[in-house]
Amino acid sequence: MLTPDEEYMLAVRYKERGDRDAADHLVTSHLRLVVKIAAGYRGYGLPMGELISEGNIGLIQAVKRFEPEKGFRLATYAIWLIKAAIQEYVLRSWSLVKLGSSSKQKRLFFNLGRIKRQIQALDDGDLRPEHVATIAAKLGVTAKDVVSMNRRLGRDVSLNAPLRRDGEGSSEWQEWLVDESPDQEERMAANEETENRRRLLRQAMGVLNDRELRVLKARRLVDKPISLQELSHELGVSHQRVHQIELSAFNKVRMAVRDRALERPQAEPTAILVAWRMAPGRHSLGHRRLSGLASERGGAGAR
């Protein structure tokens, strides 16, 4: 270790003249401090050599920024930068998912385990509400942050890892994942049902003339229906007349859907669904009429 006078002279030489030998001497004389601090982070399961390397980076930064004229020792200043460098490394290496980088989040990450041991909160899984409240009060964070950090303190596990620790005769974790996407049969059935609805609607709309078809599409089959006023200007009629054409066209299609459903009883559910899809949710009148269609079809099926 350097004496205060030796340390001061080396620091002055590096600061005023950029003497690399003086800087190297300052760094090497404090390597034991880095090892001591790094040893306090062995519990995070990271290689000791990596912790020391990161701590050395913090020490080098401390030497570069050290101001000897302020009267304190390099070790007093360097300890904070060494800890900061090691903590940043631990946070980066702990999980594939980025952990919080704010000062409160860091304080929570590095002190949660210690406080859990102090209050005897050693059970696996989520913390008890009273333990959460105690930890949040001690560290000045929210209860939500405590719960979230406690859940994330478990290390990442590969989906290819065996369920049993011995790895013998054991399946992998990924084999127990549930695939919630529809299977091939469900997709085929859904595609067939969609095509049936489209075909039935196209056939039913064949009973309309050009003007009725234009009004029905503009008012019922688009996400943003065209207003009656716009259609009245386009067709050269009053908006009341456009409304009448819309209702008439809708009734024609409804009747055509019903007739085709009666011809093919197995298509009855499709017919009702097609009719329901013809009216966006904002058309209350359309919903009332479609409700009537569903009731009629229910009655027809009963007969």
Protein backbone atom coordinates (compact mmCIF):
# COMPACT_ATOMS: atom_id res chain seq x y z
CA MET A 1 0.00 0.00 0.00
CA LEU A 2 1.12 3.54 -0.69
CA THR A 3 1.65 6.14 1.99
CA PRO A 4 -0.52 9.28 1.74
CA ASP A 5 2.44 11.32 0.48
CA GLU A 6 3.39 8.74 -2.17
CA GLU A 7 -0.20 8.48 -3.37
CA TYR A 8 -0.50 12.27 -3.54
CA MET A 9 2.67 12.68 -5.59
CA LEU A 10 1.71 9.93 -8.03
CA ALA A 11 -1.76 11.41 -8.48
CA VAL A 12 -0.32 14.87 -9.14
CA ARG A 13 2.14 13.49 -11.68
CA TYR A 14 -0.65 11.74 -13.58
CA LYS A 15 -3.04 14.68 -13.44
CA GLU A 16 -0.58 17.40 -14.40
CA ARG A 17 1.75 15.54 -16.77
CA GLY A 18 -0.26 12.50 -17.84
CA ASP A 19 2.39 10.16 -16.46
CA ARG A 20 1.20 6.64 -17.37
CA ASP A 21 3.69 5.00 -15.01
CA ALA A 22 2.23 6.96 -12.10
CA ALA A 23 -1.28 5.88 -13.07
CA ASP A 24 -0.21 2.24 -13.37
CA HIS A 25 1.37 2.43 -9.91
CA LEU A 26 -1.86 3.84 -8.44
CA VAL A 27 -3.95 1.08 -10.05
CA THR A 28 -1.73 -1.84 -9.07
CA SER A 29 -1.46 -0.62 -5.49
CA HIS A 30 -5.26 -0.85 -5.12
CA LEU A 31 -5.92 -4.22 -6.79
CA ARG A 32 -6.43 -5.90 -3.42
CA LEU A 33 -9.26 -3.44 -2.74
CA VAL A 34 -10.96 -4.56 -5.96
CA VAL A 35 -10.65 -8.24 -5.00
CA LYS A 36 -12.12 -7.56 -1.56
CA ILE A 37 -15.13 -5.70 -2.98
CA ALA A 38 -15.68 -8.27 -5.75
CA ALA A 39 -15.76 -11.07 -3.17
CA GLY A 40 -18.91 -9.53 -1.73
CA TYR A 41 -20.77 -10.26 -4.97
CA ARG A 42 -19.90 -13.96 -5.28
CA GLY A 43 -23.40 -14.90 -4.17
CA TYR A 44 -24.80 -13.91 -7.56
CA GLY A 45 -23.23 -16.95 -9.21
CA LEU A 46 -20.96 -15.06 -11.57
CA PRO A 47 -17.28 -15.89 -12.21
CA MET A 48 -14.98 -14.26 -9.70
CA GLY A 49 -12.54 -13.34 -12.46
CA GLU A 50 -15.25 -11.41 -14.31
CA LEU A 51 -16.25 -9.54 -11.16
CA ILE A 52 -12.63 -8.54 -10.56
CA SER A 53 -12.21 -7.43 -14.19
CA GLU A 54 -15.25 -5.20 -13.97
CA GLY A 55 -14.03 -3.82 -10.65
CA ASN A 56 -10.67 -3.00 -12.25
CA ILE A 57 -12.49 -0.93 -14.85
CA GLY A 58 -14.12 1.04 -12.05
CA LEU A 59 -10.71 1.50 -10.39
CA ILE A 60 -9.19 2.85 -13.61
CA GLN A 61 -12.04 5.34 -13.93
CA ALA A 62 -11.46 6.41 -10.34
CA VAL A 63 -7.75 7.06 -11.00
CA LYS A 64 -8.60 9.16 -14.05
CA ARG A 65 -11.09 11.29 -12.13
CA PHE A 66 -9.24 11.47 -8.80
CA GLU A 67 -8.49 14.97 -7.50
CA PRO A 68 -5.70 14.70 -4.89
CA GLU A 69 -5.89 18.36 -3.86
CA LYS A 70 -9.22 17.73 -2.17
CA GLY A 71 -7.43 15.93 0.64
CA PHE A 72 -8.99 12.44 0.72
CA ARG A 73 -7.46 9.10 -0.17
CA LEU A 74 -7.90 7.37 -3.53
CA ALA A 75 -9.43 4.28 -1.89
CA THR A 76 -12.20 6.39 -0.35
CA TYR A 77 -13.16 7.66 -3.78
CA ALA A 78 -12.49 4.50 -5.77
CA ILE A 79 -14.67 2.22 -3.67
CA TRP A 80 -17.85 3.79 -5.07
CA LEU A 81 -16.80 3.50 -8.70
CA ILE A 82 -15.61 -0.07 -8.21
CA LYS A 83 -18.95 -1.05 -6.68
CA ALA A 84 -20.85 0.74 -9.43
CA ALA A 85 -18.93 -1.09 -12.17
CA ILE A 86 -19.46 -4.50 -10.55
CA GLN A 87 -23.14 -3.84 -9.93
CA GLU A 88 -23.68 -2.83 -13.55
CA TYR A 89 -22.06 -6.09 -14.63
CA VAL A 90 -24.24 -8.13 -12.28
CA LEU A 91 -27.40 -6.46 -13.57
CA ARG A 92 -26.38 -7.03 -17.20
CA SER A 93 -25.52 -10.67 -16.63
CA TRP A 94 -28.33 -11.69 -14.30
CA SER A 95 -31.13 -12.07 -16.82
CA LEU A 96 -31.85 -11.91 -20.54
CA VAL A 97 -34.64 -9.51 -19.58
CA LYS A 98 -33.26 -6.10 -18.65
CA LEU A 99 -33.63 -5.27 -14.98
CA GLY A 100 -34.38 -1.81 -13.66
CA SER A 101 -31.55 0.68 -13.97
CA SER A 102 -32.81 3.42 -11.64
CA SER A 103 -31.14 3.94 -8.27
CA LYS A 104 -34.19 2.57 -6.43
CA GLN A 105 -34.31 -0.53 -8.61
CA LYS A 106 -30.60 -1.17 -8.06
CA ARG A 107 -30.98 -0.72 -4.31
CA LEU A 108 -33.88 -3.15 -4.32
CA PHE A 109 -32.01 -5.75 -6.39
CA PHE A 110 -28.87 -5.75 -4.22
CA ASN A 111 -30.62 -5.55 -0.84
CA LEU A 112 -33.75 -7.67 -1.26
CA GLY A 113 -32.07 -10.95 -0.32
CA ARG A 114 -30.43 -9.46 2.76
CA ILE A 115 -33.64 -7.96 4.10
CA LYS A 116 -35.57 -11.18 3.38
CA ARG A 117 -33.09 -13.02 5.61
CA GLN A 118 -33.44 -10.38 8.32
CA ILE A 119 -37.24 -10.70 8.47
CA GLN A 120 -37.16 -14.49 8.03
CA ALA A 121 -39.01 -14.37 4.68
CA LEU A 122 -37.31 -17.51 3.40
CA ASP A 123 -40.25 -19.31 1.76
CA ASP A 124 -40.18 -19.94 -1.98
CA GLY A 125 -42.68 -18.18 -4.18
CA ASP A 126 -44.35 -14.83 -3.60
CA LEU A 127 -43.78 -12.87 -0.42
CA ARG A 128 -46.47 -12.44 2.18
CA PRO A 129 -48.24 -9.05 2.14
CA GLU A 130 -46.74 -8.06 5.51
CA HIS A 131 -43.24 -8.90 4.27
CA VAL A 132 -43.79 -6.91 1.09
CA ALA A 133 -44.88 -3.89 3.11
CA THR A 134 -41.86 -4.15 5.42
CA ILE A 135 -39.34 -4.41 2.56
CA ALA A 136 -40.98 -1.56 0.64
CA ALA A 137 -40.79 0.70 3.71
CA LYS A 138 -37.13 -0.17 4.41
CA LEU A 139 -35.96 0.47 0.84
CA GLY A 140 -38.28 3.33 -0.09
CA VAL A 141 -39.91 1.57 -3.07
CA THR A 142 -43.43 0.53 -3.93
CA ALA A 143 -44.94 -2.81 -2.96
CA LYS A 144 -45.43 -3.57 -6.66
CA ASP A 145 -41.69 -3.15 -7.27
CA VAL A 146 -40.89 -5.51 -4.40
CA VAL A 147 -43.20 -8.25 -5.74
CA SER A 148 -41.88 -7.85 -9.28
CA MET A 149 -38.20 -7.92 -8.26
CA ASN A 150 -38.70 -10.93 -5.98
CA ARG A 151 -40.17 -12.89 -8.88
CA ARG A 152 -37.30 -11.89 -11.18
CA LEU A 153 -34.49 -12.79 -8.80
CA GLY A 154 -34.74 -16.39 -9.97
CA ARG A 155 -32.17 -17.05 -12.71
CA ASP A 156 -33.21 -17.72 -16.31
CA VAL A 157 -33.79 -21.40 -17.08
CA SER A 158 -33.39 -22.94 -20.53
CA LEU A 159 -36.46 -24.61 -21.98
CA ASN A 160 -34.14 -27.45 -22.97
CA ALA A 161 -33.14 -28.05 -19.35
CA PRO A 162 -34.26 -31.45 -17.95
CA LEU A 163 -37.00 -31.54 -15.35
CA ARG A 164 -34.86 -33.67 -13.07
CA ARG A 165 -31.50 -32.43 -11.87
CA ASP A 166 -29.75 -35.72 -12.60
CA GLY A 167 -30.90 -35.41 -16.22
CA GLU A 168 -31.54 -39.16 -16.53
CA GLY A 169 -34.79 -40.36 -18.08
CA SER A 170 -36.31 -36.94 -17.71
CA SER A 171 -38.20 -34.85 -20.23
CA GLU A 172 -37.39 -31.21 -20.92
CA TRP A 173 -39.32 -28.20 -19.70
CA GLN A 174 -40.41 -27.27 -23.23
CA GLU A 175 -42.33 -30.54 -23.51
CA TRP A 176 -44.75 -29.29 -20.85
CA LEU A 177 -45.54 -26.03 -22.58
CA VAL A 178 -49.13 -25.80 -23.80
CA ASP A 179 -49.62 -24.73 -27.41
CA GLU A 180 -52.77 -22.61 -27.29
CA SER A 181 -52.86 -21.91 -31.02
CA PRO A 182 -55.61 -23.72 -32.98
CA ASP A 183 -54.64 -27.05 -34.49
CA GLN A 184 -54.82 -27.82 -38.20
CA GLU A 185 -58.35 -29.26 -38.05
CA GLU A 186 -59.68 -26.19 -36.23
CA ARG A 187 -58.04 -23.86 -38.77
CA MET A 188 -59.48 -25.82 -41.68
CA ALA A 189 -62.95 -25.79 -40.12
CA ALA A 190 -62.72 -22.04 -39.49
CA ASN A 191 -61.56 -21.36 -43.06
CA GLU A 192 -64.38 -23.49 -44.46
CA GLU A 193 -66.94 -21.71 -42.29
CA THR A 194 -65.63 -18.31 -43.40
CA GLU A 195 -65.84 -19.30 -47.06
CA ASN A 196 -69.40 -20.59 -46.56
CA ARG A 197 -70.43 -17.26 -45.04
CA ARG A 198 -68.92 -15.30 -47.92
CA ARG A 199 -70.50 -17.52 -50.55
CA LEU A 200 -73.92 -17.35 -48.92
CA LEU A 201 -73.71 -13.57 -48.62
CA ARG A 202 -72.67 -13.17 -52.27
CA GLN A 203 -75.58 -15.35 -53.39
CA ALA A 204 -78.07 -13.48 -51.22
CA MET A 205 -76.89 -10.08 -52.49
CA GLY A 206 -77.63 -11.18 -56.05
CA VAL A 207 -81.27 -10.18 -55.50
CA LEU A 208 -80.34 -6.48 -55.27
CA ASN A 209 -80.20 -3.96 -58.08
CA ASP A 210 -77.18 -1.69 -58.52
CA ARG A 211 -78.52 1.16 -56.41
CA GLU A 212 -79.57 -1.10 -53.54
CA LEU A 213 -76.22 -2.86 -53.67
CA ARG A 214 -74.37 0.46 -53.51
CA VAL A 215 -76.38 1.67 -50.52
CA LEU A 216 -76.13 -1.62 -48.62
CA LYS A 217 -72.37 -1.85 -49.06
CA ALA A 218 -71.83 1.81 -48.13
CA ARG A 219 -74.01 1.59 -45.04
CA ARG A 220 -73.56 -1.95 -43.72
CA LEU A 221 -70.45 -3.61 -45.11
CA VAL A 222 -67.69 -1.11 -44.37
CA ASP A 223 -65.93 -0.16 -41.15
CA LYS A 224 -66.83 3.52 -41.55
CA PRO A 225 -70.31 3.79 -43.09
CA ILE A 226 -70.98 6.65 -45.49
CA SER A 227 -73.52 9.14 -44.17
CA LEU A 228 -77.03 9.36 -45.59
CA GLN A 229 -76.32 12.92 -46.66
CA GLU A 230 -73.32 11.90 -48.79
CA LEU A 231 -75.23 9.08 -50.43
CA SER A 232 -78.19 11.36 -51.14
CA HIS A 233 -75.90 13.73 -53.07
CA GLU A 234 -74.30 10.82 -54.93
CA LEU A 235 -77.61 9.21 -55.95
CA GLY A 236 -79.59 12.42 -56.42
CA VAL A 237 -82.33 11.53 -53.93
CA SER A 238 -83.26 12.68 -50.44
CA HIS A 239 -81.55 11.17 -47.44
CA GLN A 240 -84.92 9.79 -46.28
CA ARG A 241 -85.13 7.90 -49.56
CA VAL A 242 -81.59 6.56 -49.08
CA HIS A 243 -82.63 5.27 -45.66
CA GLN A 244 -85.65 3.54 -47.20
CA ILE A 245 -83.46 1.91 -49.85
CA GLU A 246 -81.07 0.72 -47.14
CA LEU A 247 -83.84 -0.94 -45.13
CA SER A 248 -85.41 -2.46 -48.23
CA ALA A 249 -82.10 -3.89 -49.42
CA PHE A 250 -81.31 -5.26 -46.00
CA ASN A 251 -84.68 -6.99 -45.78
CA LYS A 252 -84.21 -8.50 -49.26
CA VAL A 253 -80.85 -9.95 -48.29
CA ARG A 254 -82.22 -11.19 -45.00
CA MET A 255 -85.04 -13.00 -46.76
CA ALA A 256 -82.64 -14.45 -49.34
CA VAL A 257 -80.38 -15.72 -46.56
CA ARG A 258 -83.36 -17.32 -44.84
CA ASP A 259 -84.62 -18.97 -48.03
CA ARG A 260 -81.23 -20.46 -48.79
CA ALA A 261 -80.86 -21.65 -45.21
CA LEU A 262 -84.23 -23.42 -45.48
CA GLU A 263 -83.06 -25.10 -48.65
CA ARG A 264 -79.92 -26.28 -46.83
CA PRO A 265 -80.75 -26.81 -43.11
CA GLN A 266 -77.13 -27.64 -42.33
CA ALA A 267 -76.16 -24.10 -43.38
CA GLU A 268 -78.54 -22.46 -40.91
CA PRO A 269 -75.88 -21.37 -38.34
CA THR A 270 -73.80 -19.91 -41.15
CA ALA A 271 -76.78 -17.98 -42.46
CA ILE A 272 -77.40 -16.38 -39.10
CA LEU A 273 -73.72 -15.49 -38.64
CA VAL A 274 -73.57 -13.93 -42.10
CA ALA A 275 -76.52 -11.75 -41.31
CA TRP A 276 -75.01 -10.70 -38.00
CA ARG A 277 -71.75 -9.68 -39.70
CA MET A 278 -73.64 -7.42 -42.09
CA ALA A 279 -74.29 -4.79 -39.45
CA PRO A 280 -71.43 -3.00 -37.58
CA GLY A 281 -71.92 -2.69 -33.83
CA ARG A 282 -72.89 0.99 -34.05
CA HIS A 283 -76.08 0.26 -36.02
CA SER A 284 -78.67 -0.36 -33.31
CA LEU A 285 -81.42 -0.70 -35.92
CA GLY A 286 -79.38 -3.34 -37.73
CA HIS A 287 -78.89 -5.23 -34.48
CA ARG A 288 -82.62 -5.24 -33.74
CA ARG A 289 -83.39 -6.55 -37.21
CA LEU A 290 -80.64 -9.17 -37.01
CA SER A 291 -81.96 -10.28 -33.63
CA GLY A 292 -85.31 -10.82 -35.32
CA LEU A 293 -83.60 -12.85 -38.04
CA ALA A 294 -81.93 -15.08 -35.43
CA SER A 295 -85.30 -15.61 -33.72
CA GLU A 296 -87.00 -16.44 -37.01
CA ARG A 297 -84.28 -18.94 -37.87
CA GLY A 298 -84.54 -20.48 -34.44
CA GLY A 299 -88.26 -20.92 -34.98
CA ALA A 300 -87.75 -22.36 -38.43
CA GLY A 301 -85.28 -24.87 -37.07
CA ALA A 302 -87.77 -25.91 -34.38
CA ARG A 303 -90.44 -26.46 -37.00
